[in-house]
Amino acid sequence: MQIDHAVTSDVKDMHALIQHYAEKGLVLPRSLLSIYQHLQCMYVARENSQIVGTAGLHILGHDLGEVRSLVVSPEHMGKGIGRLLVHHIADEAARLGVKRLISFTYQVEFFRKCGFEIVDKSTLPEKVWIDCVNCPKLDCCDETAMIKYI
């Protein structure tokens, strides 16, 4: 298993993988353009040169980063790929000087196993004012806010 920075030739496969879970309501959808525009902070997990997972690190402030669009192909679930991606992102975030890593998620147990704990969304105004204000779920957000100190 190899974790790499994503490149432009990965985007269509990444988008398809994210869309698979977005259609089920498990992650927020991402457009192709959004993935291209944020490519410098996106990572892919490869097995035999096939993309089997993806995730992004989004910097929200001087010491705050977010794990975004974390998905693993259905055929590769349960093999630790998601955990590898989260650990890779945490290492990269720490390298950049980030001290708090968050996720807004439906996968609470998974993130707990990765060292995150539940927090009140109101403790993360950087996230709320940067992203949540433009989210269609603003008034009915059902994701759980979680944080890991790194």
C-alpha atoms as a PDB file:
ATOM      1  CA  MET A   1       0.000   0.000   0.000  1.00  0.00           C
ATOM      2  CA  GLN A   2       1.326   3.375  -1.012  1.00  0.00           C
ATOM      3  CA  ILE A   3       0.067   6.853  -0.003  1.00  0.00           C
ATOM      4  CA  ASP A   4       0.910   9.583  -2.521  1.00  0.00           C
ATOM      5  CA  HIS A   5       0.031  13.179  -3.239  1.00  0.00           C
ATOM      6  CA  ALA A   6      -2.720  13.091  -5.834  1.00  0.00           C
ATOM      7  CA  VAL A   7      -1.944  14.240  -9.378  1.00  0.00           C
ATOM      8  CA  THR A   8      -4.215  15.456 -12.151  1.00  0.00           C
ATOM      9  CA  SER A   9      -4.480  12.013 -13.739  1.00  0.00           C
ATOM     10  CA  ASP A  10      -5.989  10.716 -10.451  1.00  0.00           C
ATOM     11  CA  VAL A  11      -8.871  13.191 -10.313  1.00  0.00           C
ATOM     12  CA  LYS A  12     -11.511  11.282 -12.288  1.00  0.00           C
ATOM     13  CA  ASP A  13     -10.996   8.122 -10.223  1.00  0.00           C
ATOM     14  CA  MET A  14     -11.012  10.148  -6.997  1.00  0.00           C
ATOM     15  CA  HIS A  15     -14.214  11.894  -8.047  1.00  0.00           C
ATOM     16  CA  ALA A  16     -15.924   8.592  -8.869  1.00  0.00           C
ATOM     17  CA  LEU A  17     -14.939   7.178  -5.481  1.00  0.00           C
ATOM     18  CA  ILE A  18     -16.166  10.255  -3.599  1.00  0.00           C
ATOM     19  CA  GLN A  19     -19.395  10.334  -5.639  1.00  0.00           C
ATOM     20  CA  HIS A  20     -20.102   6.702  -4.767  1.00  0.00           C
ATOM     21  CA  TYR A  21     -20.317   7.646  -1.085  1.00  0.00           C
ATOM     22  CA  ALA A  22     -21.862  11.100  -1.681  1.00  0.00           C
ATOM     23  CA  GLU A  23     -24.808   9.458  -3.450  1.00  0.00           C
ATOM     24  CA  LYS A  24     -25.384   7.397  -0.286  1.00  0.00           C
ATOM     25  CA  GLY A  25     -25.234  10.569   1.860  1.00  0.00           C
ATOM     26  CA  LEU A  26     -22.068   9.436   3.667  1.00  0.00           C
ATOM     27  CA  VAL A  27     -19.797  12.289   2.524  1.00  0.00           C
ATOM     28  CA  LEU A  28     -20.431  15.656   0.956  1.00  0.00           C
ATOM     29  CA  PRO A  29     -20.162  15.646  -2.836  1.00  0.00           C
ATOM     30  CA  ARG A  30     -17.148  17.210  -4.537  1.00  0.00           C
ATOM     31  CA  SER A  31     -17.115  18.490  -8.097  1.00  0.00           C
ATOM     32  CA  LEU A  32     -14.297  17.654 -10.471  1.00  0.00           C
ATOM     33  CA  LEU A  33     -13.346  21.331 -10.408  1.00  0.00           C
ATOM     34  CA  SER A  34     -13.187  21.362  -6.597  1.00  0.00           C
ATOM     35  CA  ILE A  35     -10.871  18.352  -6.599  1.00  0.00           C
ATOM     36  CA  TYR A  36      -8.615  19.949  -9.215  1.00  0.00           C
ATOM     37  CA  GLN A  37      -8.549  23.224  -7.270  1.00  0.00           C
ATOM     38  CA  HIS A  38      -7.560  21.458  -4.034  1.00  0.00           C
ATOM     39  CA  LEU A  39      -5.317  18.822  -5.596  1.00  0.00           C
ATOM     40  CA  GLN A  40      -2.209  20.066  -3.772  1.00  0.00           C
ATOM     41  CA  CYS A  41      -3.759  18.915  -0.466  1.00  0.00           C
ATOM     42  CA  MET A  42      -5.289  15.632  -1.655  1.00  0.00           C
ATOM     43  CA  TYR A  43      -3.804  12.173  -1.168  1.00  0.00           C
ATOM     44  CA  VAL A  44      -4.488   8.789  -2.673  1.00  0.00           C
ATOM     45  CA  ALA A  45      -3.890   5.272  -1.467  1.00  0.00           C
ATOM     46  CA  ARG A  46      -2.709   2.981  -4.246  1.00  0.00           C
ATOM     47  CA  GLU A  47      -2.558  -0.762  -4.458  1.00  0.00           C
ATOM     48  CA  ASN A  48      -0.948  -2.129  -7.618  1.00  0.00           C
ATOM     49  CA  SER A  49      -1.239   1.385  -9.140  1.00  0.00           C
ATOM     50  CA  GLN A  50      -5.037   1.361  -8.596  1.00  0.00           C
ATOM     51  CA  ILE A  51      -6.563   4.112  -6.433  1.00  0.00           C
ATOM     52  CA  VAL A  52      -8.267   2.387  -3.504  1.00  0.00           C
ATOM     53  CA  GLY A  53      -8.781   5.415  -1.240  1.00  0.00           C
ATOM     54  CA  THR A  54      -8.505   9.161  -1.066  1.00  0.00           C
ATOM     55  CA  ALA A  55      -8.564  11.948   1.510  1.00  0.00           C
ATOM     56  CA  GLY A  56      -7.723  15.605   1.783  1.00  0.00           C
ATOM     57  CA  LEU A  57      -6.091  17.891   4.322  1.00  0.00           C
ATOM     58  CA  HIS A  58      -7.679  21.324   4.399  1.00  0.00           C
ATOM     59  CA  ILE A  59      -5.985  24.029   6.468  1.00  0.00           C
ATOM     60  CA  LEU A  60      -8.582  26.219   8.221  1.00  0.00           C
ATOM     61  CA  GLY A  61      -6.362  28.446  10.351  1.00  0.00           C
ATOM     62  CA  HIS A  62      -2.963  28.896  11.961  1.00  0.00           C
ATOM     63  CA  ASP A  63      -3.243  25.674  13.982  1.00  0.00           C
ATOM     64  CA  LEU A  64      -6.355  23.957  12.590  1.00  0.00           C
ATOM     65  CA  GLY A  65      -6.663  21.428   9.781  1.00  0.00           C
ATOM     66  CA  GLU A  66      -9.457  19.156   8.611  1.00  0.00           C
ATOM     67  CA  VAL A  67      -9.599  15.657   7.179  1.00  0.00           C
ATOM     68  CA  ARG A  68     -11.906  15.882   4.152  1.00  0.00           C
ATOM     69  CA  SER A  69     -13.399  13.507   1.616  1.00  0.00           C
ATOM     70  CA  LEU A  70     -11.998  10.389   3.254  1.00  0.00           C
ATOM     71  CA  VAL A  71     -13.239   7.392   1.274  1.00  0.00           C
ATOM     72  CA  VAL A  72     -12.046   3.862   0.564  1.00  0.00           C
ATOM     73  CA  SER A  73     -13.275   1.714  -2.303  1.00  0.00           C
ATOM     74  CA  PRO A  74     -15.943  -0.754  -1.171  1.00  0.00           C
ATOM     75  CA  GLU A  75     -13.780  -3.688  -2.305  1.00  0.00           C
ATOM     76  CA  HIS A  76     -10.974  -2.565   0.016  1.00  0.00           C
ATOM     77  CA  MET A  77     -12.936  -1.737   3.171  1.00  0.00           C
ATOM     78  CA  GLY A  78     -11.645  -3.192   6.416  1.00  0.00           C
ATOM     79  CA  LYS A  79      -8.017  -3.384   5.308  1.00  0.00           C
ATOM     80  CA  GLY A  80      -6.780  -0.361   7.289  1.00  0.00           C
ATOM     81  CA  ILE A  81      -6.564   1.950   4.266  1.00  0.00           C
ATOM     82  CA  GLY A  82      -8.692   4.676   5.855  1.00  0.00           C
ATOM     83  CA  ARG A  83      -6.559   4.565   8.992  1.00  0.00           C
ATOM     84  CA  LEU A  84      -3.374   4.822   6.879  1.00  0.00           C
ATOM     85  CA  LEU A  85      -4.769   7.873   5.099  1.00  0.00           C
ATOM     86  CA  VAL A  86      -5.734   9.558   8.393  1.00  0.00           C
ATOM     87  CA  HIS A  87      -2.300   8.869   9.901  1.00  0.00           C
ATOM     88  CA  HIS A  88      -0.608  10.213   6.767  1.00  0.00           C
ATOM     89  CA  ILE A  89      -2.726  13.368   6.926  1.00  0.00           C
ATOM     90  CA  ALA A  90      -2.005  13.792  10.651  1.00  0.00           C
ATOM     91  CA  ASP A  91       1.734  13.490   9.973  1.00  0.00           C
ATOM     92  CA  GLU A  92       1.518  16.036   7.151  1.00  0.00           C
ATOM     93  CA  ALA A  93      -0.567  18.384   9.302  1.00  0.00           C
ATOM     94  CA  ALA A  94       1.985  18.173  12.131  1.00  0.00           C
ATOM     95  CA  ARG A  95       4.790  18.879   9.641  1.00  0.00           C
ATOM     96  CA  LEU A  96       2.924  22.047   8.613  1.00  0.00           C
ATOM     97  CA  GLY A  97       2.543  23.189  12.239  1.00  0.00           C
ATOM     98  CA  VAL A  98      -1.096  22.205  12.680  1.00  0.00           C
ATOM     99  CA  LYS A  99      -1.902  21.317  16.287  1.00  0.00           C
ATOM    100  CA  ARG A 100      -5.609  20.464  15.927  1.00  0.00           C
ATOM    101  CA  LEU A 101      -7.014  18.134  13.284  1.00  0.00           C
ATOM    102  CA  ILE A 102     -10.781  17.899  12.898  1.00  0.00           C
ATOM    103  CA  SER A 103     -13.350  15.914  11.007  1.00  0.00           C
ATOM    104  CA  PHE A 104     -17.061  16.479  10.570  1.00  0.00           C
ATOM    105  CA  THR A 105     -18.216  12.912  10.092  1.00  0.00           C
ATOM    106  CA  TYR A 106     -20.843  10.184  10.260  1.00  0.00           C
ATOM    107  CA  GLN A 107     -18.104   7.618  11.012  1.00  0.00           C
ATOM    108  CA  VAL A 108     -17.644   8.380  14.708  1.00  0.00           C
ATOM    109  CA  GLU A 109     -16.254   4.981  15.742  1.00  0.00           C
ATOM    110  CA  PHE A 110     -13.694   4.986  12.939  1.00  0.00           C
ATOM    111  CA  PHE A 111     -12.367   8.399  13.950  1.00  0.00           C
ATOM    112  CA  ARG A 112     -12.358   7.412  17.639  1.00  0.00           C
ATOM    113  CA  LYS A 113     -10.081   4.516  16.727  1.00  0.00           C
ATOM    114  CA  CYS A 114      -7.825   7.053  15.004  1.00  0.00           C
ATOM    115  CA  GLY A 115      -7.515   9.106  18.209  1.00  0.00           C
ATOM    116  CA  PHE A 116     -10.250  11.709  17.650  1.00  0.00           C
ATOM    117  CA  GLU A 117     -12.797  12.764  20.268  1.00  0.00           C
ATOM    118  CA  ILE A 118     -16.214  14.376  19.907  1.00  0.00           C
ATOM    119  CA  VAL A 119     -16.430  18.156  20.377  1.00  0.00           C
ATOM    120  CA  ASP A 120     -19.211  20.695  20.142  1.00  0.00           C
ATOM    121  CA  LYS A 121     -19.307  22.360  16.714  1.00  0.00           C
ATOM    122  CA  SER A 122     -19.463  25.758  18.405  1.00  0.00           C
ATOM    123  CA  THR A 123     -15.838  25.269  19.548  1.00  0.00           C
ATOM    124  CA  LEU A 124     -14.735  25.337  15.895  1.00  0.00           C
ATOM    125  CA  PRO A 125     -15.777  28.760  14.589  1.00  0.00           C
ATOM    126  CA  GLU A 126     -13.066  28.647  11.909  1.00  0.00           C
ATOM    127  CA  LYS A 127     -14.809  25.683  10.281  1.00  0.00           C
ATOM    128  CA  VAL A 128     -18.290  27.111  10.702  1.00  0.00           C
ATOM    129  CA  TRP A 129     -17.461  30.497   9.170  1.00  0.00           C
ATOM    130  CA  ILE A 130     -15.268  29.174   6.368  1.00  0.00           C
ATOM    131  CA  ASP A 131     -17.256  26.163   5.188  1.00  0.00           C
ATOM    132  CA  CYS A 132     -20.501  25.568   7.029  1.00  0.00           C
ATOM    133  CA  VAL A 133     -22.059  28.896   6.039  1.00  0.00           C
ATOM    134  CA  ASN A 134     -22.043  27.698   2.402  1.00  0.00           C
ATOM    135  CA  CYS A 135     -23.183  24.137   3.109  1.00  0.00           C
ATOM    136  CA  PRO A 136     -26.708  23.066   2.149  1.00  0.00           C
ATOM    137  CA  LYS A 137     -26.921  21.298   5.520  1.00  0.00           C
ATOM    138  CA  LEU A 138     -26.158  24.447   7.559  1.00  0.00           C
ATOM    139  CA  ASP A 139     -29.481  24.510   9.413  1.00  0.00           C
ATOM    140  CA  CYS A 140     -29.797  20.731   9.704  1.00  0.00           C
ATOM    141  CA  CYS A 141     -26.223  19.466  10.022  1.00  0.00           C
ATOM    142  CA  ASP A 142     -26.205  15.891  11.252  1.00  0.00           C
ATOM    143  CA  GLU A 143     -22.463  15.314  11.160  1.00  0.00           C
ATOM    144  CA  THR A 144     -20.459  14.861  14.349  1.00  0.00           C
ATOM    145  CA  ALA A 145     -17.534  17.210  14.983  1.00  0.00           C
ATOM    146  CA  MET A 146     -14.406  15.414  16.142  1.00  0.00           C
ATOM    147  CA  ILE A 147     -10.906  16.613  17.001  1.00  0.00           C
ATOM    148  CA  LYS A 148      -7.446  15.166  17.483  1.00  0.00           C
ATOM    149  CA  TYR A 149      -4.625  17.129  19.075  1.00  0.00           C
ATOM    150  CA  ILE A 150      -1.327  16.452  17.292  1.00  0.00           C
END
